[in-house]
Structures are given as structure tokens and as C-alpha cells.
PDB file of N, CA and C in Angstrom:
ATOM      1  N   MET A   1      88.577 -16.887 -83.067  1.00  0.00           N
ATOM      2  CA  MET A   1      89.380 -15.826 -82.505  1.00  0.00           C
ATOM      3  C   MET A   1      90.833 -16.032 -82.916  1.00  0.00           C
ATOM      4  N   ALA A   2      91.455 -14.981 -83.352  1.00  0.00           N
ATOM      5  CA  ALA A   2      92.835 -15.064 -83.831  1.00  0.00           C
ATOM      6  C   ALA A   2      93.810 -15.043 -82.666  1.00  0.00           C
ATOM      7  N   ARG A   3      94.950 -15.668 -82.895  1.00  0.00           N
ATOM      8  CA  ARG A   3      96.006 -15.638 -81.879  1.00  0.00           C
ATOM      9  C   ARG A   3      96.690 -14.281 -81.884  1.00  0.00           C
ATOM     10  N   PRO A   4      97.185 -13.836 -80.731  1.00  0.00           N
ATOM     11  CA  PRO A   4      97.927 -12.572 -80.704  1.00  0.00           C
ATOM     12  C   PRO A   4      99.252 -12.714 -81.447  1.00  0.00           C
ATOM     13  N   HIS A   5      99.819 -11.599 -81.830  1.00  0.00           N
ATOM     14  CA  HIS A   5     101.109 -11.610 -82.511  1.00  0.00           C
ATOM     15  C   HIS A   5     102.170 -12.227 -81.612  1.00  0.00           C
ATOM     16  N   ASN A   6     103.202 -12.793 -82.224  1.00  0.00           N
ATOM     17  CA  ASN A   6     104.283 -13.416 -81.482  1.00  0.00           C
ATOM     18  C   ASN A   6     104.912 -12.407 -80.520  1.00  0.00           C
ATOM     19  N   GLY A   7     105.080 -12.796 -79.275  1.00  0.00           N
ATOM     20  CA  GLY A   7     105.653 -11.912 -78.274  1.00  0.00           C
ATOM     21  C   GLY A   7     104.626 -11.079 -77.537  1.00  0.00           C
ATOM     22  N   LYS A   8     103.367 -11.182 -77.924  1.00  0.00           N
ATOM     23  CA  LYS A   8     102.295 -10.399 -77.296  1.00  0.00           C
ATOM     24  C   LYS A   8     101.234 -11.348 -76.756  1.00  0.00           C
ATOM     25  N   GLU A   9     101.625 -12.294 -75.930  1.00  0.00           N
ATOM     26  CA  GLU A   9     100.729 -13.348 -75.467  1.00  0.00           C
ATOM     27  C   GLU A   9      99.823 -12.953 -74.302  1.00  0.00           C
ATOM     28  N   LYS A  10      99.718 -11.675 -73.978  1.00  0.00           N
ATOM     29  CA  LYS A  10      98.794 -11.192 -72.949  1.00  0.00           C
ATOM     30  C   LYS A  10      99.023 -11.849 -71.597  1.00  0.00           C
ATOM     31  N   ASN A  11     100.158 -11.592 -71.005  1.00  0.00           N
ATOM     32  CA  ASN A  11     100.484 -12.069 -69.655  1.00  0.00           C
ATOM     33  C   ASN A  11     100.518 -13.588 -69.539  1.00  0.00           C
ATOM     34  N   ARG A  12     100.822 -14.256 -70.595  1.00  0.00           N
ATOM     35  CA  ARG A  12     100.909 -15.716 -70.575  1.00  0.00           C
ATOM     36  C   ARG A  12     102.126 -16.140 -69.762  1.00  0.00           C
ATOM     37  N   PRO A  13     101.952 -17.082 -68.828  1.00  0.00           N
ATOM     38  CA  PRO A  13     103.118 -17.503 -68.036  1.00  0.00           C
ATOM     39  C   PRO A  13     104.133 -18.269 -68.879  1.00  0.00           C
ATOM     40  N   LYS A  14     105.365 -18.196 -68.471  1.00  0.00           N
ATOM     41  CA  LYS A  14     106.432 -18.930 -69.154  1.00  0.00           C
ATOM     42  C   LYS A  14     106.370 -20.398 -68.754  1.00  0.00           C
ATOM     43  N   HIS A  15     106.776 -21.255 -69.660  1.00  0.00           N
ATOM     44  CA  HIS A  15     106.818 -22.692 -69.381  1.00  0.00           C
ATOM     45  C   HIS A  15     108.181 -23.037 -68.803  1.00  0.00           C
ATOM     46  N   LEU A  16     108.174 -23.834 -67.743  1.00  0.00           N
ATOM     47  CA  LEU A  16     109.409 -24.285 -67.115  1.00  0.00           C
ATOM     48  C   LEU A  16     109.294 -25.788 -66.945  1.00  0.00           C
ATOM     49  N   GLY A  17     110.073 -26.527 -67.685  1.00  0.00           N
ATOM     50  CA  GLY A  17     110.022 -27.984 -67.589  1.00  0.00           C
ATOM     51  C   GLY A  17     111.306 -28.512 -66.985  1.00  0.00           C
ATOM     52  N   PHE A  18     111.194 -29.434 -66.053  1.00  0.00           N
ATOM     53  CA  PHE A  18     112.370 -30.012 -65.439  1.00  0.00           C
ATOM     54  C   PHE A  18     112.030 -31.382 -64.868  1.00  0.00           C
ATOM     55  N   ARG A  19     113.052 -32.170 -64.628  1.00  0.00           N
ATOM     56  CA  ARG A  19     112.883 -33.503 -64.065  1.00  0.00           C
ATOM     57  C   ARG A  19     112.927 -33.425 -62.544  1.00  0.00           C
ATOM     58  N   THR A  20     112.154 -34.308 -61.906  1.00  0.00           N
ATOM     59  CA  THR A  20     112.164 -34.386 -60.444  1.00  0.00           C
ATOM     60  C   THR A  20     112.258 -35.841 -60.021  1.00  0.00           C
ATOM     61  N   GLU A  21     112.567 -36.038 -58.762  1.00  0.00           N
ATOM     62  CA  GLU A  21     112.537 -37.380 -58.188  1.00  0.00           C
ATOM     63  C   GLU A  21     111.083 -37.848 -58.144  1.00  0.00           C
ATOM     64  N   VAL A  22     110.897 -39.144 -58.105  1.00  0.00           N
ATOM     65  CA  VAL A  22     109.551 -39.716 -58.087  1.00  0.00           C
ATOM     66  C   VAL A  22     108.756 -39.224 -56.881  1.00  0.00           C
ATOM     67  N   TRP A  23     109.398 -39.133 -55.707  1.00  0.00           N
ATOM     68  CA  TRP A  23     108.677 -38.727 -54.507  1.00  0.00           C
ATOM     69  C   TRP A  23     108.185 -37.286 -54.611  1.00  0.00           C
ATOM     70  N   VAL A  24     108.948 -36.409 -55.292  1.00  0.00           N
ATOM     71  CA  VAL A  24     108.512 -35.021 -55.485  1.00  0.00           C
ATOM     72  C   VAL A  24     107.293 -34.991 -56.409  1.00  0.00           C
ATOM     73  N   HIS A  25     107.374 -35.719 -57.499  1.00  0.00           N
ATOM     74  CA  HIS A  25     106.264 -35.811 -58.440  1.00  0.00           C
ATOM     75  C   HIS A  25     105.000 -36.311 -57.747  1.00  0.00           C
ATOM     76  N   ASP A  26     105.147 -37.387 -56.974  1.00  0.00           N
ATOM     77  CA  ASP A  26     104.004 -37.967 -56.275  1.00  0.00           C
ATOM     78  C   ASP A  26     103.417 -37.003 -55.249  1.00  0.00           C
ATOM     79  N   ALA A  27     104.282 -36.298 -54.523  1.00  0.00           N
ATOM     80  CA  ALA A  27     103.813 -35.358 -53.506  1.00  0.00           C
ATOM     81  C   ALA A  27     103.047 -34.191 -54.135  1.00  0.00           C
ATOM     82  N   VAL A  28     103.551 -33.666 -55.245  1.00  0.00           N
ATOM     83  CA  VAL A  28     102.861 -32.556 -55.921  1.00  0.00           C
ATOM     84  C   VAL A  28     101.493 -33.015 -56.411  1.00  0.00           C
ATOM     85  N   HIS A  29     101.433 -34.199 -56.988  1.00  0.00           N
ATOM     86  CA  HIS A  29     100.147 -34.699 -57.477  1.00  0.00           C
ATOM     87  C   HIS A  29      99.187 -35.032 -56.336  1.00  0.00           C
ATOM     88  N   ARG A  30      99.723 -35.488 -55.202  1.00  0.00           N
ATOM     89  CA  ARG A  30      98.861 -35.743 -54.041  1.00  0.00           C
ATOM     90  C   ARG A  30      98.269 -34.440 -53.520  1.00  0.00           C
ATOM     91  N   LEU A  31      99.113 -33.393 -53.403  1.00  0.00           N
ATOM     92  CA  LEU A  31      98.620 -32.096 -52.959  1.00  0.00           C
ATOM     93  C   LEU A  31      97.591 -31.527 -53.936  1.00  0.00           C
ATOM     94  N   ALA A  32      97.836 -31.716 -55.218  1.00  0.00           N
ATOM     95  CA  ALA A  32      96.898 -31.219 -56.229  1.00  0.00           C
ATOM     96  C   ALA A  32      95.541 -31.904 -56.093  1.00  0.00           C
ATOM     97  N   ALA A  33      95.551 -33.203 -55.853  1.00  0.00           N
ATOM     98  CA  ALA A  33      94.293 -33.934 -55.688  1.00  0.00           C
ATOM     99  C   ALA A  33      93.574 -33.493 -54.412  1.00  0.00           C
ATOM    100  N   GLU A  34      94.327 -33.293 -53.336  1.00  0.00           N
ATOM    101  CA  GLU A  34      93.732 -32.864 -52.069  1.00  0.00           C
ATOM    102  C   GLU A  34      93.087 -31.491 -52.181  1.00  0.00           C
ATOM    103  N   GLN A  35      93.718 -30.597 -52.953  1.00  0.00           N
ATOM    104  CA  GLN A  35      93.230 -29.226 -53.068  1.00  0.00           C
ATOM    105  C   GLN A  35      92.362 -29.014 -54.311  1.00  0.00           C
ATOM    106  N   ASP A  36      92.169 -30.078 -55.092  1.00  0.00           N
ATOM    107  CA  ASP A  36      91.375 -30.017 -56.321  1.00  0.00           C
ATOM    108  C   ASP A  36      91.855 -28.895 -57.251  1.00  0.00           C
ATOM    109  N   GLN A  37      93.171 -28.862 -57.468  1.00  0.00           N
ATOM    110  CA  GLN A  37      93.806 -27.881 -58.347  1.00  0.00           C
ATOM    111  C   GLN A  37      94.735 -28.612 -59.303  1.00  0.00           C
ATOM    112  N   PRO A  38      95.093 -27.969 -60.413  1.00  0.00           N
ATOM    113  CA  PRO A  38      96.072 -28.590 -61.312  1.00  0.00           C
ATOM    114  C   PRO A  38      97.443 -28.706 -60.641  1.00  0.00           C
ATOM    115  N   ALA A  39      98.163 -29.750 -60.976  1.00  0.00           N
ATOM    116  CA  ALA A  39      99.498 -29.960 -60.406  1.00  0.00           C
ATOM    117  C   ALA A  39     100.433 -28.804 -60.754  1.00  0.00           C
ATOM    118  N   SER A  40     100.257 -28.196 -61.920  1.00  0.00           N
ATOM    119  CA  SER A  40     101.120 -27.074 -62.300  1.00  0.00           C
ATOM    120  C   SER A  40     100.932 -25.887 -61.363  1.00  0.00           C
ATOM    121  N   ASP A  41      99.705 -25.642 -60.898  1.00  0.00           N
ATOM    122  CA  ASP A  41      99.467 -24.550 -59.947  1.00  0.00           C
ATOM    123  C   ASP A  41     100.139 -24.847 -58.611  1.00  0.00           C
ATOM    124  N   ILE A  42     100.053 -26.085 -58.160  1.00  0.00           N
ATOM    125  CA  ILE A  42     100.682 -26.474 -56.901  1.00  0.00           C
ATOM    126  C   ILE A  42     102.199 -26.338 -57.017  1.00  0.00           C
ATOM    127  N   ALA A  43     102.779 -26.813 -58.106  1.00  0.00           N
ATOM    128  CA  ALA A  43     104.224 -26.709 -58.307  1.00  0.00           C
ATOM    129  C   ALA A  43     104.656 -25.244 -58.332  1.00  0.00           C
ATOM    130  N   HIS A  44     103.861 -24.393 -58.958  1.00  0.00           N
ATOM    131  CA  HIS A  44     104.170 -22.961 -59.016  1.00  0.00           C
ATOM    132  C   HIS A  44     104.186 -22.361 -57.613  1.00  0.00           C
ATOM    133  N   GLU A  45     103.188 -22.681 -56.804  1.00  0.00           N
ATOM    134  CA  GLU A  45     103.134 -22.165 -55.438  1.00  0.00           C
ATOM    135  C   GLU A  45     104.319 -22.656 -54.609  1.00  0.00           C
ATOM    136  N   LEU A  46     104.676 -23.924 -54.769  1.00  0.00           N
ATOM    137  CA  LEU A  46     105.811 -24.470 -54.028  1.00  0.00           C
ATOM    138  C   LEU A  46     107.122 -23.802 -54.429  1.00  0.00           C
ATOM    139  N   LEU A  47     107.301 -23.538 -55.717  1.00  0.00           N
ATOM    140  CA  LEU A  47     108.512 -22.853 -56.170  1.00  0.00           C
ATOM    141  C   LEU A  47     108.565 -21.431 -55.625  1.00  0.00           C
ATOM    142  N   GLU A  48     107.423 -20.733 -55.609  1.00  0.00           N
ATOM    143  CA  GLU A  48     107.393 -19.376 -55.062  1.00  0.00           C
ATOM    144  C   GLU A  48     107.765 -19.375 -53.579  1.00  0.00           C
ATOM    145  N   MET A  49     107.243 -20.361 -52.824  1.00  0.00           N
ATOM    146  CA  MET A  49     107.576 -20.445 -51.396  1.00  0.00           C
ATOM    147  C   MET A  49     109.062 -20.702 -51.209  1.00  0.00           C
ATOM    148  N   ALA A  50     109.627 -21.631 -51.967  1.00  0.00           N
ATOM    149  CA  ALA A  50     111.047 -21.958 -51.835  1.00  0.00           C
ATOM    150  C   ALA A  50     111.924 -20.770 -52.225  1.00  0.00           C
ATOM    151  N   LEU A  51     111.586 -20.087 -53.298  1.00  0.00           N
ATOM    152  CA  LEU A  51     112.371 -18.926 -53.715  1.00  0.00           C
ATOM    153  C   LEU A  51     112.254 -17.796 -52.696  1.00  0.00           C
ATOM    154  N   GLY A  52     111.072 -17.646 -52.111  1.00  0.00           N
ATOM    155  CA  GLY A  52     110.879 -16.623 -51.088  1.00  0.00           C
ATOM    156  C   GLY A  52     111.773 -16.862 -49.880  1.00  0.00           C
ATOM    157  N   LYS A  53     111.953 -18.121 -49.498  1.00  0.00           N
ATOM    158  CA  LYS A  53     112.844 -18.440 -48.371  1.00  0.00           C
ATOM    159  C   LYS A  53     114.298 -18.117 -48.694  1.00  0.00           C
ATOM    160  N   LEU A  54     114.630 -18.079 -49.982  1.00  0.00           N
ATOM    161  CA  LEU A  54     115.989 -17.717 -50.400  1.00  0.00           C
ATOM    162  C   LEU A  54     116.129 -16.210 -50.630  1.00  0.00           C
ATOM    163  N   GLY A  55     115.047 -15.473 -50.375  1.00  0.00           N
ATOM    164  CA  GLY A  55     115.089 -14.015 -50.526  1.00  0.00           C
ATOM    165  C   GLY A  55     114.755 -13.529 -51.919  1.00  0.00           C
ATOM    166  N   ILE A  56     114.287 -14.407 -52.774  1.00  0.00           N
ATOM    167  CA  ILE A  56     113.930 -14.013 -54.142  1.00  0.00           C
ATOM    168  C   ILE A  56     112.427 -13.768 -54.175  1.00  0.00           C
ATOM    169  N   LYS A  57     112.041 -12.529 -54.397  1.00  0.00           N
ATOM    170  CA  LYS A  57     110.633 -12.139 -54.363  1.00  0.00           C
ATOM    171  C   LYS A  57     110.184 -11.697 -55.755  1.00  0.00           C
ATOM    172  N   PRO A  58     108.877 -11.827 -56.048  1.00  0.00           N
ATOM    173  CA  PRO A  58     108.386 -11.348 -57.345  1.00  0.00           C
ATOM    174  C   PRO A  58     108.471  -9.824 -57.416  1.00  0.00           C
ATOM    175  N   PRO A  59     108.582  -9.266 -58.620  1.00  0.00           N
ATOM    176  CA  PRO A  59     108.633  -7.811 -58.747  1.00  0.00           C
ATOM    177  C   PRO A  59     107.314  -7.194 -58.311  1.00  0.00           C
ATOM    178  N   LYS A  60     107.389  -5.975 -57.811  1.00  0.00           N
ATOM    179  CA  LYS A  60     106.195  -5.244 -57.397  1.00  0.00           C
ATOM    180  C   LYS A  60     105.351  -4.923 -58.620  1.00  0.00           C
ATOM    181  N   ARG A  61     104.028  -5.090 -58.488  1.00  0.00           N
ATOM    182  CA  ARG A  61     103.129  -4.738 -59.585  1.00  0.00           C
ATOM    183  C   ARG A  61     102.783  -3.255 -59.506  1.00  0.00           C
ATOM    184  N   ASP A  62     102.656  -2.623 -60.665  1.00  0.00           N
ATOM    185  CA  ASP A  62     102.244  -1.227 -60.710  1.00  0.00           C
ATOM    186  C   ASP A  62     100.766  -1.123 -60.384  1.00  0.00           C
ATOM    187  N   GLU A  63     100.380  -0.156 -59.584  1.00  0.00           N
ATOM    188  CA  GLU A  63      98.982   0.023 -59.177  1.00  0.00           C
ATOM    189  C   GLU A  63      98.301   1.015 -60.125  1.00  0.00           C
ATOM    190  N   LYS A  64      98.252   0.702 -61.418  1.00  0.00           N
ATOM    191  CA  LYS A  64      97.668   1.614 -62.406  1.00  0.00           C
ATOM    192  C   LYS A  64      96.204   1.365 -62.648  1.00  0.00           C
ATOM    193  N   ASP A  65      95.631   0.283 -62.092  1.00  0.00           N
ATOM    194  CA  ASP A  65      94.235  -0.071 -62.367  1.00  0.00           C
ATOM    195  C   ASP A  65      93.301   0.901 -61.752  1.00  0.00           C
TER     196      ASP A  65
END
């Protein structure tokens, strides 16, 4: 299967890399193990919760389906 053209990655999430304190890293990995999910999914959920508390919400999705 061929890759899509550059810029047309079909709703592919953006990569966000950053450094954290050891305790944050350990806590995310502990939660991931407890919930049997990838650590990246747990980190994404935690960032969404924190941003939501600051009033930053995701854009509304169009109901075209």
C-alpha cells in the first residue's frame, strides 16, 4: 500500500515531544500499565484534561456523517 501524498496523512495526529520530570514520566507509565493502554494515549488524555481546566477546548466537529 502506498503512502498518502505529503500533507494528506488522513487525520494523523501531530507529534508533540517534550521533556518531563521523572515523577511525571513514571506516573504516566504507571497509569498506562494499570489501564492497559499506550503511554502516549494516557499523556494525550491528561493534556486534554489540563487544557480543559484552562478553558481551552477542542474545536467542534462537523456532523456531516
